Amino acid sequence: MKISKIITILAILNLALTPFTFLKNRTALALEFYPNEIISNTDLLDYNSMDLVAVSEFLNSQSGVLKNYRTLDVYGIERLAAEIIYTAAQTYKISPKWILTTLQKEQSLITNPSPSQYNLDWAMGYAVCDSCKVTDPQVAIYRGFGIQVDRATWRVRYYYENPEKFNFQVGKMYNISGRDVLIYNQATANLYIYTPHIHGNYNFWLIWNRWFAKTYPDGSLLQQEGQPGVWLIENGQRRPFWSKTALTSRYDASNIIKVAYNDLQRYPIGYPIKYPNYSLLKSPENKIYLIVNQEKKQIESDEVFRSIGYNPDEVIAVSAEELSHYKEGRMITLNSLYPQGALLQDNKSGGVYYVEDGIKYPILAKEIMLANYKNHKLIQVSTEELNKYVTAATGIKFFDGTLIKTANDPKVYVISNGQRRWLANEQTFNQLGYKWSSIITVSEKVAELHPLGQPLDLLLPTNTQIATK
């Protein structure tokens, strides 16, 4: 077998590894340039990612000349730069974000308030090469901002539809600027065809991630496209689930969002979620804990352990370091009731409570109960039984990651850290991979249980900080 083929196979195998296998010995990573997959195919082809208003607002938010720039388009009609960009994106079904990023990469037109005429005439760097002159008649026909935007966007679509005609192809290894690159998708191949060196594509990647990186709220479940591993976004990190049961014992797998490699890699790796909910873990000091969500609850004694009916064979010996990543919960004693939590319903009033460790938490809406506890059995009890438990000061809210709206308002919110964050437009909703079928309609009273947080709007430029080498 040829060495190049072996390298290709190893690289593909490395990409295919999942959190269930290779992350056990990895530490948190900063987002770094990954030349094999610079953007996803979806990113390149999402021509509806910004409408004309969004393109205009984006340009207006920057310091460059294009916010007010008017010039001839490819048909000789005078238009605003925003119109020219949007029209090219719609005509050739290429993301306007690609056009904006390329305009900045090639001539810094998005941020430069005083570009030269050359910068404007060769805005996309189209038809310009090291061995050619812009005065050459065969090159000069592509001079002009409108022509540059139109022809460059058309050409990138042509690359995508005719990959076999070009040197850089998916699944093949190339030495680019002295670096081995195995191209994983057609969007990345397109970028190398357009700019056949590392430096230019590194600049593209920096600009793209600075402006258009996707930020997912806490509680999001992310899965890289084509890979089985699932991650929880929490406190700005991605925490891998080490098994399917570790995931499904805590979360609804139907809420998993498929994302591109770069969207996932921008989050440093947090501590893994290793064990299924309600696992029994034993410390080096032989203390036994019941894991409930993010808490560890110490079982007071062997007598308590036996009284609850746990099986000693289910106990897993773990290190003190592993246990340190769980919050300390209430100790489980002979007087503890429902240490794993239970749904109890008053058989007279119909009121429903989540009861755990002798505390009852009111559930104020059926929608919350169905969304949060769909796998819990509803147990009918008397009012007298419920009166034995202390009532919590606050009721149960929707879990993080839940999508809600009210009947009389089209605004859709995602719950994050107990707050409701407005998804400011349809493009943001779609780009974050949410499903319309997942939206839960609730009353205004239920929605207002969750205070308003910061809106999520992917049409506004981000201030992503990228750690690079």
Protein backbone atom coordinates (compact mmCIF):
# COMPACT_ATOMS: atom_id res chain seq x y z
CA MET A 1 0.00 0.00 0.00
CA LYS A 2 1.35 3.45 -0.89
CA ILE A 3 2.45 5.73 1.94
CA SER A 4 0.10 8.50 0.75
CA LYS A 5 -2.85 6.11 0.88
CA ILE A 6 -1.96 5.01 4.40
CA ILE A 7 -1.79 8.67 5.50
CA THR A 8 -5.19 9.32 3.94
CA ILE A 9 -6.78 6.35 5.72
CA LEU A 10 -5.26 7.34 9.06
CA ALA A 11 -6.49 10.91 8.68
CA ILE A 12 -10.01 9.75 7.88
CA LEU A 13 -9.99 7.37 10.84
CA ASN A 14 -8.79 10.15 13.11
CA LEU A 15 -11.68 12.40 12.06
CA ALA A 16 -14.14 9.58 12.67
CA LEU A 17 -13.16 9.08 16.32
CA THR A 18 -15.88 10.11 18.75
CA PRO A 19 -16.13 11.39 22.32
CA PHE A 20 -16.88 7.81 23.37
CA THR A 21 -13.37 6.70 22.36
CA PHE A 22 -10.61 9.21 22.03
CA LEU A 23 -11.41 12.02 24.45
CA LYS A 24 -10.64 10.13 27.63
CA ASN A 25 -7.10 11.48 27.68
CA ARG A 26 -7.60 14.84 26.00
CA THR A 27 -7.54 18.24 27.64
CA ALA A 28 -9.46 21.36 26.64
CA LEU A 29 -8.49 22.74 23.24
CA ALA A 30 -8.60 26.27 21.88
CA LEU A 31 -10.10 26.81 18.45
CA GLU A 32 -7.34 26.39 15.90
CA PHE A 33 -7.15 26.65 12.14
CA TYR A 34 -8.01 23.29 10.62
CA PRO A 35 -6.95 23.33 6.95
CA ASN A 36 -8.79 20.10 6.05
CA GLU A 37 -12.23 21.63 6.65
CA ILE A 38 -12.33 25.42 6.68
CA ILE A 39 -16.10 25.85 6.34
CA SER A 40 -18.92 23.40 5.76
CA ASN A 41 -20.80 22.86 2.51
CA THR A 42 -23.91 24.20 4.25
CA ASP A 43 -22.07 27.39 5.19
CA LEU A 44 -20.98 27.97 1.61
CA LEU A 45 -24.36 27.24 0.01
CA ASP A 46 -26.66 28.97 2.52
CA TYR A 47 -27.67 31.79 0.18
CA ASN A 48 -30.59 32.70 2.44
CA SER A 49 -28.38 33.18 5.49
CA MET A 50 -28.73 36.97 5.08
CA ASP A 51 -31.45 38.92 3.32
CA LEU A 52 -30.85 42.31 1.69
CA VAL A 53 -31.65 44.21 4.88
CA ALA A 54 -29.22 42.02 6.85
CA VAL A 55 -26.43 42.60 4.31
CA SER A 56 -27.06 46.36 4.45
CA GLU A 57 -27.09 46.39 8.24
CA PHE A 58 -23.90 44.36 8.34
CA LEU A 59 -22.09 46.81 6.06
CA ASN A 60 -23.45 49.73 8.06
CA SER A 61 -22.09 48.17 11.27
CA GLN A 62 -18.57 48.22 9.82
CA SER A 63 -16.20 51.12 9.13
CA GLY A 64 -15.62 50.37 5.45
CA VAL A 65 -16.62 52.35 2.39
CA LEU A 66 -19.15 49.79 1.18
CA LYS A 67 -21.91 50.98 3.49
CA ASN A 68 -22.63 53.90 1.14
CA TYR A 69 -20.84 52.74 -2.00
CA ARG A 70 -22.78 52.91 -5.27
CA THR A 71 -21.43 51.59 -8.55
CA LEU A 72 -22.39 49.72 -11.68
CA ASP A 73 -23.42 46.11 -11.38
CA VAL A 74 -22.51 43.43 -13.92
CA TYR A 75 -25.38 44.65 -16.15
CA GLY A 76 -24.32 48.31 -16.09
CA ILE A 77 -27.04 49.41 -13.65
CA GLU A 78 -26.02 51.60 -10.72
CA ARG A 79 -26.72 49.93 -7.38
CA LEU A 80 -25.63 49.95 -3.76
CA ALA A 81 -22.89 47.49 -2.83
CA ALA A 82 -25.34 45.64 -0.57
CA GLU A 83 -27.70 45.08 -3.52
CA ILE A 84 -24.86 43.80 -5.70
CA ILE A 85 -23.74 41.36 -3.01
CA TYR A 86 -27.24 40.12 -2.25
CA THR A 87 -28.15 39.71 -5.94
CA ALA A 88 -25.03 37.63 -6.65
CA ALA A 89 -25.75 35.42 -3.64
CA GLN A 90 -29.32 34.78 -4.78
CA THR A 91 -28.42 34.33 -8.45
CA TYR A 92 -25.73 31.70 -7.87
CA LYS A 93 -27.03 30.33 -4.56
CA ILE A 94 -23.84 31.05 -2.63
CA SER A 95 -23.86 32.47 0.89
CA PRO A 96 -23.54 36.26 1.10
CA LYS A 97 -21.30 35.57 4.09
CA TRP A 98 -18.78 34.01 1.72
CA ILE A 99 -18.87 37.14 -0.44
CA LEU A 100 -18.45 39.47 2.56
CA THR A 101 -15.59 37.41 3.95
CA THR A 102 -13.84 37.29 0.57
CA LEU A 103 -14.21 41.05 0.08
CA GLN A 104 -12.42 41.54 3.39
CA LYS A 105 -9.82 38.84 2.78
CA GLU A 106 -8.87 40.20 -0.66
CA GLN A 107 -9.04 44.00 -0.26
CA SER A 108 -10.26 44.78 3.31
CA LEU A 109 -13.25 46.59 1.82
CA ILE A 110 -15.59 45.84 4.73
CA THR A 111 -13.45 47.76 7.22
CA ASN A 112 -11.37 50.14 5.08
CA PRO A 113 -13.02 53.59 4.86
CA SER A 114 -10.55 54.86 2.23
CA PRO A 115 -9.65 52.08 -0.21
CA SER A 116 -7.76 52.76 -3.41
CA GLN A 117 -9.40 52.52 -6.79
CA TYR A 118 -7.42 49.32 -7.32
CA ASN A 119 -8.99 47.84 -4.17
CA LEU A 120 -12.46 48.58 -5.50
CA ASP A 121 -11.74 47.52 -9.07
CA TRP A 122 -10.36 44.13 -7.97
CA ALA A 123 -12.61 43.71 -4.94
CA MET A 124 -12.76 39.90 -4.93
CA GLY A 125 -9.30 39.27 -6.35
CA TYR A 126 -11.02 37.51 -9.23
CA ALA A 127 -8.83 36.85 -12.31
CA VAL A 128 -5.82 38.35 -10.49
CA CYS A 129 -2.83 36.05 -10.22
CA ASP A 130 0.90 36.22 -9.58
CA SER A 131 1.78 35.62 -13.22
CA CYS A 132 -0.77 37.95 -14.82
CA LYS A 133 -1.19 41.71 -15.15
CA VAL A 134 -4.44 43.57 -14.57
CA THR A 135 -3.68 45.59 -17.71
CA ASP A 136 -3.86 42.44 -19.83
CA PRO A 137 -7.05 42.74 -21.94
CA GLN A 138 -8.11 39.21 -20.95
CA VAL A 139 -7.89 40.21 -17.27
CA ALA A 140 -9.06 43.81 -17.55
CA ILE A 141 -12.56 42.73 -18.61
CA TYR A 142 -13.13 41.69 -14.99
CA ARG A 143 -12.33 45.10 -13.54
CA GLY A 144 -15.02 46.76 -11.45
CA PHE A 145 -16.70 46.02 -8.13
CA GLY A 146 -19.98 44.78 -9.64
CA ILE A 147 -18.26 42.49 -12.14
CA GLN A 148 -15.87 41.17 -9.50
CA VAL A 149 -18.65 40.19 -7.09
CA ASP A 150 -20.79 38.61 -9.81
CA ARG A 151 -18.04 36.66 -11.58
CA ALA A 152 -16.34 35.43 -8.40
CA THR A 153 -19.63 34.16 -6.99
CA TRP A 154 -20.54 32.49 -10.28
CA ARG A 155 -17.13 30.85 -10.39
CA VAL A 156 -17.39 29.40 -6.90
CA ARG A 157 -20.75 27.87 -7.79
CA TYR A 158 -19.11 26.44 -10.94
CA TYR A 159 -16.35 24.88 -8.82
CA TYR A 160 -18.98 23.28 -6.64
CA GLU A 161 -20.96 21.80 -9.51
CA ASN A 162 -17.92 20.62 -11.51
CA PRO A 163 -15.41 19.37 -8.93
CA GLU A 164 -13.76 16.89 -11.29
CA LYS A 165 -12.43 19.72 -13.49
CA PHE A 166 -10.16 21.20 -10.81
CA ASN A 167 -6.95 20.23 -9.07
CA PHE A 168 -8.18 20.27 -5.45
CA GLN A 169 -10.68 17.47 -4.81
CA VAL A 170 -12.44 16.00 -1.80
CA GLY A 171 -10.77 13.00 -0.16
CA LYS A 172 -7.34 13.65 -1.63
CA MET A 173 -4.14 14.71 0.11
CA TYR A 174 -2.20 17.76 -1.11
CA ASN A 175 0.91 19.56 0.03
CA ILE A 176 -0.19 23.18 0.22
CA SER A 177 2.36 25.79 1.26
CA GLY A 178 4.48 23.02 2.76
CA ARG A 179 1.61 21.54 4.78
CA ASP A 180 -0.20 18.25 4.15
CA VAL A 181 -3.91 18.88 3.68
CA LEU A 182 -6.57 16.19 3.30
CA ILE A 183 -9.62 17.95 1.90
CA TYR A 184 -12.80 16.82 3.64
CA ASN A 185 -15.54 18.69 1.80
CA GLN A 186 -16.26 20.55 -1.42
CA ALA A 187 -16.55 23.96 0.25
CA THR A 188 -12.96 23.64 1.44
CA ALA A 189 -11.86 22.40 -1.99
CA ASN A 190 -13.49 25.53 -3.46
CA LEU A 191 -11.48 27.78 -1.16
CA TYR A 192 -8.20 26.18 -2.22
CA ILE A 193 -9.12 26.35 -5.90
CA TYR A 194 -9.86 30.06 -5.46
CA THR A 195 -6.80 30.74 -3.27
CA PRO A 196 -4.25 27.90 -3.63
CA HIS A 197 -2.19 28.55 -0.51
CA ILE A 198 -2.55 28.28 3.26
CA HIS A 199 -2.06 31.90 4.25
CA GLY A 200 -4.99 33.27 2.26
CA ASN A 201 -7.33 30.58 3.51
CA TYR A 202 -6.13 31.06 7.06
CA ASN A 203 -7.12 34.74 6.73
CA PHE A 204 -10.49 33.71 5.33
CA TRP A 205 -11.02 31.42 8.32
CA LEU A 206 -10.05 34.16 10.80
CA ILE A 207 -12.48 36.64 9.27
CA TRP A 208 -15.30 34.10 8.94
CA ASN A 209 -15.04 33.03 12.57
CA ARG A 210 -14.72 36.61 13.81
CA TRP A 211 -17.95 37.64 12.08
CA PHE A 212 -20.04 34.55 11.53
CA ALA A 213 -19.17 31.98 14.19
CA LYS A 214 -22.29 30.33 15.61
CA THR A 215 -22.80 30.67 19.34
CA TYR A 216 -25.02 28.05 20.94
CA PRO A 217 -26.70 28.68 24.31
CA ASP A 218 -26.03 26.53 27.34
CA GLY A 219 -28.04 23.33 27.29
CA SER A 220 -27.58 22.77 23.55
CA LEU A 221 -26.84 19.21 22.43
CA LEU A 222 -24.45 19.27 19.45
CA GLN A 223 -23.30 16.52 17.13
CA GLN A 224 -20.77 16.92 14.34
CA GLU A 225 -22.24 16.04 10.95
CA GLY A 226 -21.37 12.45 10.07
CA GLN A 227 -20.08 11.59 13.58
CA PRO A 228 -21.86 9.68 16.39
CA GLY A 229 -20.50 11.57 19.41
CA VAL A 230 -22.75 14.09 21.20
CA TRP A 231 -21.69 17.11 23.26
CA LEU A 232 -23.40 19.31 25.85
CA ILE A 233 -22.69 23.05 25.68
CA GLU A 234 -22.23 24.32 29.23
CA ASN A 235 -20.43 27.41 30.54
CA GLY A 236 -18.76 28.05 27.19
CA GLN A 237 -17.40 24.51 26.93
CA ARG A 238 -18.43 21.33 25.14
CA ARG A 239 -18.75 18.32 27.40
CA PRO A 240 -18.71 14.91 25.67
CA PHE A 241 -21.08 12.12 26.63
CA TRP A 242 -19.12 8.90 27.03
CA SER A 243 -22.04 6.61 26.33
CA LYS A 244 -25.50 6.70 24.85
CA THR A 245 -27.07 6.00 28.24
CA ALA A 246 -25.16 8.91 29.80
CA LEU A 247 -26.97 11.06 27.23
CA THR A 248 -30.44 9.55 27.11
CA SER A 249 -30.77 9.20 30.89
CA ARG A 250 -30.56 13.01 31.11
CA TYR A 251 -31.69 14.54 27.81
CA ASP A 252 -34.09 14.09 24.93
CA ALA A 253 -32.01 12.88 21.98
CA SER A 254 -34.51 14.40 19.54
CA ASN A 255 -33.10 17.83 20.51
CA ILE A 256 -29.63 17.04 19.14
CA ILE A 257 -28.42 19.68 16.65
CA LYS A 258 -26.16 18.66 13.75
CA VAL A 259 -23.26 21.10 13.30
CA ALA A 260 -20.14 21.54 11.18
CA TYR A 261 -16.68 20.69 12.45
CA ASN A 262 -15.68 24.32 12.97
CA ASP A 263 -18.88 25.17 14.86
CA LEU A 264 -18.04 22.45 17.36
CA GLN A 265 -14.30 23.04 17.56
CA ARG A 266 -14.70 26.66 18.65
CA TYR A 267 -15.64 25.39 22.11
CA PRO A 268 -12.88 24.08 24.40
CA ILE A 269 -13.47 20.57 25.70
CA GLY A 270 -14.91 20.40 29.21
CA TYR A 271 -15.01 17.52 31.62
CA PRO A 272 -16.85 14.52 30.14
CA ILE A 273 -20.25 13.29 31.27
CA LYS A 274 -19.16 9.74 31.94
CA TYR A 275 -21.90 7.97 33.84
CA PRO A 276 -25.64 7.57 33.30
CA ASN A 277 -27.98 9.46 35.58
CA TYR A 278 -28.66 7.61 38.85
CA SER A 279 -25.33 5.80 38.72
CA LEU A 280 -23.84 4.61 42.02
CA LEU A 281 -20.23 5.78 42.42
CA LYS A 282 -17.81 4.77 45.18
CA SER A 283 -14.99 7.05 46.30
CA PRO A 284 -11.50 5.85 47.32
CA GLU A 285 -12.74 6.25 50.93
CA ASN A 286 -15.55 3.76 50.18
CA LYS A 287 -18.27 6.39 50.34
CA ILE A 288 -21.12 5.60 47.95
CA TYR A 289 -22.89 8.37 46.05
CA LEU A 290 -26.03 8.46 43.92
CA ILE A 291 -25.57 10.69 40.86
CA VAL A 292 -28.65 12.80 40.10
CA ASN A 293 -28.10 15.18 37.20
CA GLN A 294 -25.11 17.31 38.25
CA GLU A 295 -25.19 16.35 41.93
CA LYS A 296 -23.63 13.58 43.99
CA LYS A 297 -25.70 12.47 46.95
CA GLN A 298 -23.87 10.46 49.57
CA ILE A 299 -25.70 7.40 50.87
CA GLU A 300 -25.35 7.65 54.62
CA SER A 301 -24.75 3.99 55.47
CA ASP A 302 -24.91 0.38 54.29
CA GLU A 303 -28.27 0.15 56.04
CA VAL A 304 -29.65 3.00 53.94
CA PHE A 305 -28.16 1.44 50.80
CA ARG A 306 -29.91 -1.87 51.53
CA SER A 307 -33.19 -0.21 52.53
CA ILE A 308 -33.48 1.53 49.17
CA GLY A 309 -32.84 -1.77 47.40
CA TYR A 310 -29.75 -0.91 45.42
CA ASN A 311 -27.60 -3.71 44.01
CA PRO A 312 -23.93 -3.75 45.18
CA ASP A 313 -22.91 -5.02 41.73
CA GLU A 314 -24.04 -1.67 40.26
CA VAL A 315 -21.53 0.35 42.27
CA ILE A 316 -18.63 1.80 40.23
CA ALA A 317 -15.33 2.63 41.89
CA VAL A 318 -14.08 6.06 40.76
CA SER A 319 -11.33 8.51 41.65
CA ALA A 320 -11.71 11.50 43.93
CA GLU A 321 -10.97 13.69 40.90
CA GLU A 322 -13.97 12.30 39.02
CA LEU A 323 -16.27 12.90 41.97
CA SER A 324 -15.01 16.47 42.36
CA HIS A 325 -16.83 17.47 39.17
CA TYR A 326 -20.24 16.92 40.77
CA LYS A 327 -21.91 19.34 43.17
CA GLU A 328 -22.49 18.13 46.70
CA GLY A 329 -26.16 17.20 47.13
CA ARG A 330 -28.24 16.34 50.17
CA MET A 331 -27.21 13.17 51.99
CA ILE A 332 -29.51 10.19 51.49
CA THR A 333 -30.68 8.86 54.87
CA LEU A 334 -33.34 6.48 56.12
CA ASN A 335 -35.69 9.48 56.16
CA SER A 336 -34.99 10.46 52.57
CA LEU A 337 -37.97 10.13 50.27
CA TYR A 338 -37.59 9.78 46.51
CA PRO A 339 -33.81 10.34 46.34
CA GLN A 340 -33.96 9.85 42.56
CA GLY A 341 -36.88 12.23 42.20
CA ALA A 342 -40.52 11.48 41.37
CA LEU A 343 -43.60 13.14 39.90
CA LEU A 344 -46.45 13.21 42.41
CA GLN A 345 -49.97 14.42 41.69
CA ASP A 346 -52.52 15.43 44.31
CA ASN A 347 -55.47 13.10 43.67
CA LYS A 348 -57.90 15.81 44.78
CA SER A 349 -56.60 19.11 43.42
CA GLY A 350 -54.68 17.70 40.46
CA GLY A 351 -51.59 19.71 41.33
CA VAL A 352 -48.31 18.15 40.20
CA TYR A 353 -44.97 18.33 42.01
CA TYR A 354 -41.48 17.10 41.40
CA VAL A 355 -40.40 15.59 44.71
CA GLU A 356 -36.79 14.91 45.62
CA ASP A 357 -35.20 14.35 49.02
CA GLY A 358 -38.33 15.38 50.89
CA ILE A 359 -38.78 18.66 49.01
CA LYS A 360 -41.65 19.23 46.59
CA TYR A 361 -41.20 21.61 43.67
CA PRO A 362 -44.45 22.87 42.07
CA ILE A 363 -44.82 22.28 38.35
CA LEU A 364 -46.91 25.21 37.19
CA ALA A 365 -47.81 24.01 33.70
CA LYS A 366 -48.51 20.74 31.97
CA GLU A 367 -46.16 21.79 29.16
CA ILE A 368 -43.24 21.97 31.61
CA MET A 369 -44.05 18.54 33.02
CA LEU A 370 -44.26 16.93 29.57
CA ALA A 371 -41.09 18.60 28.31
CA ASN A 372 -38.93 17.98 31.37
CA TYR A 373 -40.16 14.65 32.65
CA LYS A 374 -41.53 12.72 29.70
CA ASN A 375 -39.93 9.51 30.98
CA HIS A 376 -41.28 9.84 34.53
CA LYS A 377 -44.40 8.06 35.69
CA LEU A 378 -47.02 10.31 37.32
CA ILE A 379 -47.83 8.92 40.77
CA GLN A 380 -51.22 9.69 42.37
CA VAL A 381 -51.01 10.50 46.10
CA SER A 382 -53.21 12.07 48.72
CA THR A 383 -53.05 15.66 49.91
CA GLU A 384 -51.97 14.33 53.29
CA GLU A 385 -49.02 12.54 51.67
CA LEU A 386 -47.92 15.71 49.85
CA ASN A 387 -48.17 17.73 53.05
CA LYS A 388 -45.30 15.67 54.48
CA TYR A 389 -42.87 17.40 52.12
CA VAL A 390 -41.40 20.88 52.36
CA THR A 391 -42.56 23.16 49.54
CA ALA A 392 -39.71 24.76 47.57
CA ALA A 393 -39.62 28.55 47.24
CA THR A 394 -39.55 28.32 43.43
CA GLY A 395 -41.23 26.02 40.97
CA ILE A 396 -39.78 24.01 38.12
CA LYS A 397 -38.86 25.89 34.94
CA PHE A 398 -38.21 24.53 31.47
CA PHE A 399 -34.84 22.85 31.17
CA ASP A 400 -32.10 24.57 29.15
CA GLY A 401 -32.34 24.04 25.41
CA THR A 402 -36.16 24.10 25.30
CA LEU A 403 -37.82 26.21 22.58
CA ILE A 404 -40.96 28.14 23.58
CA LYS A 405 -43.35 30.80 22.30
CA THR A 406 -46.69 32.22 23.38
CA ALA A 407 -49.92 31.89 21.41
CA ASN A 408 -50.26 35.61 20.66
CA ASP A 409 -46.63 36.40 19.86
CA PRO A 410 -44.55 34.99 16.97
CA LYS A 411 -41.29 35.42 18.88
CA VAL A 412 -39.48 32.15 19.59
CA TYR A 413 -37.21 31.80 22.62
CA VAL A 414 -34.63 29.25 23.68
CA ILE A 415 -34.18 28.60 27.39
CA SER A 416 -30.57 29.02 28.54
CA ASN A 417 -29.45 29.22 32.17
CA GLY A 418 -33.09 29.55 33.12
CA GLN A 419 -33.57 32.61 30.92
CA ARG A 420 -35.50 32.93 27.68
CA ARG A 421 -33.36 34.23 24.84
CA TRP A 422 -35.16 35.55 21.80
CA LEU A 423 -34.09 34.04 18.48
CA ALA A 424 -34.12 37.37 16.70
CA ASN A 425 -34.89 36.19 13.16
CA GLU A 426 -35.68 33.14 11.06
CA GLN A 427 -32.14 32.95 9.71
CA THR A 428 -30.72 32.60 13.22
CA PHE A 429 -33.26 29.90 14.07
CA ASN A 430 -32.42 27.91 10.94
CA GLN A 431 -28.65 28.41 11.11
CA LEU A 432 -28.54 27.13 14.69
CA GLY A 433 -30.24 23.95 13.48
CA TYR A 434 -33.40 24.19 15.55
CA LYS A 435 -36.56 22.37 14.51
CA TRP A 436 -39.86 24.20 14.16
CA SER A 437 -41.64 21.09 15.38
CA SER A 438 -39.78 21.37 18.71
CA ILE A 439 -41.37 24.72 19.67
CA ILE A 440 -43.71 24.51 22.68
CA THR A 441 -46.55 27.04 22.87
CA VAL A 442 -47.16 28.26 26.42
CA SER A 443 -49.13 30.94 28.20
CA GLU A 444 -47.55 34.35 28.87
CA LYS A 445 -47.55 33.51 32.59
CA VAL A 446 -45.47 30.37 31.99
CA ALA A 447 -43.10 32.18 29.62
CA GLU A 448 -42.55 34.92 32.19
CA LEU A 449 -41.33 32.37 34.72
CA HIS A 450 -38.11 32.67 32.73
CA PRO A 451 -36.58 36.17 32.81
CA LEU A 452 -35.48 37.68 29.52
CA GLY A 453 -31.87 37.12 28.56
CA GLN A 454 -29.76 38.51 25.71
CA PRO A 455 -31.23 37.94 22.22
CA LEU A 456 -29.49 35.58 19.81
CA ASP A 457 -28.87 37.12 16.39
CA LEU A 458 -26.42 35.51 13.97
CA LEU A 459 -26.96 38.29 11.44
CA LEU A 460 -24.96 40.64 13.64
CA PRO A 461 -21.17 40.31 13.51
CA THR A 462 -19.77 38.40 16.48
CA ASN A 463 -16.75 39.25 18.58
CA THR A 464 -15.41 35.75 18.74
CA GLN A 465 -12.00 35.45 20.29
CA ILE A 466 -9.94 32.82 18.49
CA ALA A 467 -6.83 31.24 19.91
CA THR A 468 -4.44 30.47 17.09
CA LYS A 469 -0.89 29.33 16.67
